[in-house]
Amino acid sequence: MGEWKTKFKHQSSAFRTLKKLFEAHAIEKMFDINEIHSSKVSDALGINKGRYATKLANPETFSTFEILRFAWIIDIDPSLVIEVIQNEKNVMSKIVERVNRNTKKKKANE
C-alpha cells in the first residue's frame, strides 16, 4: 500500500465520509457513492457531475489517472477503489465478453 507524500488540502466532510466507507469496505458498487456530495467530488476530479455519475455506473470507464486522482482526493490507497470496481459483477462480465469477442475476432482473421 503506497502512502501519499502530499495530502489534498481541502478537508471536506464528503471526502472524510468516502474515506471511511472505502476503508471499512462498505462500498459494494461505485454507484453506491453517487449521492455522497457528488458535486464536490466531481469538481475536485475535474469532470462534470453527469460524466461522474456515468463513470460510477460504468466504473470500468474510469481511467487509471482518474482512479489515482479520486484516491488522492479522499486520501485512500487506490487499490481500495480498484477492488470495488473489480468486484462488481457487471464489470467482470464485460471483461469476459470483451476478451472473448477479441479472441473470436483474432481467430476469424487468421
Protein backbone atom coordinates (compact mmCIF):
# COMPACT_ATOMS: atom_id res chain seq x y z
CA MET A 1 0.00 0.00 0.00
CA GLY A 2 1.52 3.25 -1.11
CA GLU A 3 1.43 6.34 1.03
CA TRP A 4 0.61 9.72 -0.46
CA LYS A 5 3.57 12.08 0.02
CA THR A 6 1.26 15.11 -0.08
CA LYS A 7 -2.32 15.48 1.06
CA PHE A 8 -5.26 17.09 -0.68
CA LYS A 9 -5.69 20.41 1.13
CA HIS A 10 -9.49 20.53 1.11
CA GLN A 11 -10.84 18.81 4.22
CA SER A 12 -14.46 18.37 3.16
CA SER A 13 -16.67 16.10 5.24
CA ALA A 14 -17.66 14.46 1.95
CA PHE A 15 -14.12 13.28 1.41
CA ARG A 16 -13.79 12.05 5.01
CA THR A 17 -17.07 10.14 4.65
CA LEU A 18 -15.91 8.47 1.45
CA LYS A 19 -12.56 7.64 3.03
CA LYS A 20 -14.25 5.91 5.97
CA LEU A 21 -16.62 3.98 3.69
CA PHE A 22 -13.84 2.71 1.43
CA GLU A 23 -11.54 1.82 4.32
CA ALA A 24 -14.39 -0.08 6.05
CA HIS A 25 -15.05 -1.97 2.78
CA ALA A 26 -18.64 -0.70 2.97
CA ILE A 27 -18.84 0.16 -0.73
CA GLU A 28 -20.08 -2.70 -2.90
CA LYS A 29 -20.51 -0.77 -6.16
CA MET A 30 -19.03 2.53 -7.21
CA PHE A 31 -22.53 3.85 -7.93
CA ASP A 32 -23.28 3.46 -4.20
CA ILE A 33 -21.35 6.70 -3.64
CA ASN A 34 -23.24 8.71 -6.26
CA GLU A 35 -25.33 10.58 -3.71
CA ILE A 36 -22.41 11.45 -1.41
CA HIS A 37 -21.58 15.04 -2.32
CA SER A 38 -21.16 14.16 -5.98
CA SER A 39 -20.76 17.82 -6.97
CA LYS A 40 -17.78 18.29 -4.64
CA VAL A 41 -16.14 15.06 -5.77
CA SER A 42 -16.72 15.68 -9.48
CA ASP A 43 -15.43 19.25 -9.13
CA ALA A 44 -12.27 18.00 -7.41
CA LEU A 45 -11.82 15.36 -10.12
CA GLY A 46 -12.28 17.97 -12.81
CA ILE A 47 -15.22 16.27 -14.53
CA ASN A 48 -18.84 17.36 -14.70
CA LYS A 49 -21.42 15.75 -12.43
CA GLY A 50 -23.17 13.89 -15.26
CA ARG A 51 -19.95 12.32 -16.51
CA TYR A 52 -19.02 11.39 -12.93
CA ALA A 53 -22.38 9.64 -12.46
CA THR A 54 -21.91 7.80 -15.77
CA LYS A 55 -18.46 6.61 -14.69
CA LEU A 56 -19.84 5.45 -11.33
CA ALA A 57 -22.50 3.43 -13.18
CA ASN A 58 -19.85 2.05 -15.57
CA PRO A 59 -16.71 2.07 -13.41
CA GLU A 60 -14.61 0.25 -15.99
CA THR A 61 -14.58 3.57 -17.86
CA PHE A 62 -12.54 5.27 -15.11
CA SER A 63 -9.02 5.79 -16.38
CA THR A 64 -6.10 4.82 -14.17
CA PHE A 65 -5.32 8.50 -13.73
CA GLU A 66 -8.90 9.24 -12.62
CA ILE A 67 -8.74 6.42 -10.07
CA LEU A 68 -5.45 7.79 -8.76
CA ARG A 69 -6.89 11.33 -8.53
CA PHE A 70 -10.01 10.04 -6.77
CA ALA A 71 -7.92 8.07 -4.27
CA TRP A 72 -5.67 11.06 -3.63
CA ILE A 73 -8.65 13.37 -3.12
CA ILE A 74 -10.17 11.13 -0.45
CA ASP A 75 -6.77 10.02 0.90
CA ILE A 76 -7.02 6.26 0.41
CA ASP A 77 -4.92 3.64 -1.28
CA PRO A 78 -6.02 3.34 -4.94
CA SER A 79 -6.21 -0.44 -4.56
CA LEU A 80 -9.37 0.05 -2.45
CA VAL A 81 -11.09 1.72 -5.40
CA ILE A 82 -9.82 -0.89 -7.85
CA GLU A 83 -11.02 -3.65 -5.54
CA VAL A 84 -14.57 -2.25 -5.59
CA ILE A 85 -14.51 -1.90 -9.38
CA GLN A 86 -13.06 -5.38 -9.86
CA ASN A 87 -15.67 -6.98 -7.60
CA GLU A 88 -18.63 -5.53 -9.46
CA LYS A 89 -20.42 -8.36 -11.22
CA ASN A 90 -21.21 -6.43 -14.40
CA VAL A 91 -17.58 -5.31 -14.75
CA MET A 92 -16.31 -8.88 -14.71
CA SER A 93 -18.90 -9.96 -17.27
CA LYS A 94 -17.87 -7.03 -19.52
CA ILE A 95 -14.23 -8.08 -19.22
CA VAL A 96 -15.04 -11.68 -20.16
CA GLU A 97 -17.27 -10.55 -23.04
CA ARG A 98 -14.59 -8.22 -24.43
CA VAL A 99 -11.81 -10.82 -24.20
CA ASN A 100 -13.99 -13.48 -25.84
CA ARG A 101 -15.01 -11.09 -28.62
CA ASN A 102 -11.38 -10.12 -29.28
CA THR A 103 -10.28 -13.77 -29.26
CA LYS A 104 -13.01 -14.71 -31.76
CA LYS A 105 -12.11 -11.76 -33.97
CA LYS A 106 -8.43 -12.74 -33.92
CA LYS A 107 -9.23 -16.37 -34.82
CA ALA A 108 -11.52 -15.23 -37.66
CA ASN A 109 -8.69 -13.14 -39.11
CA GLU A 110 -6.15 -15.98 -39.04
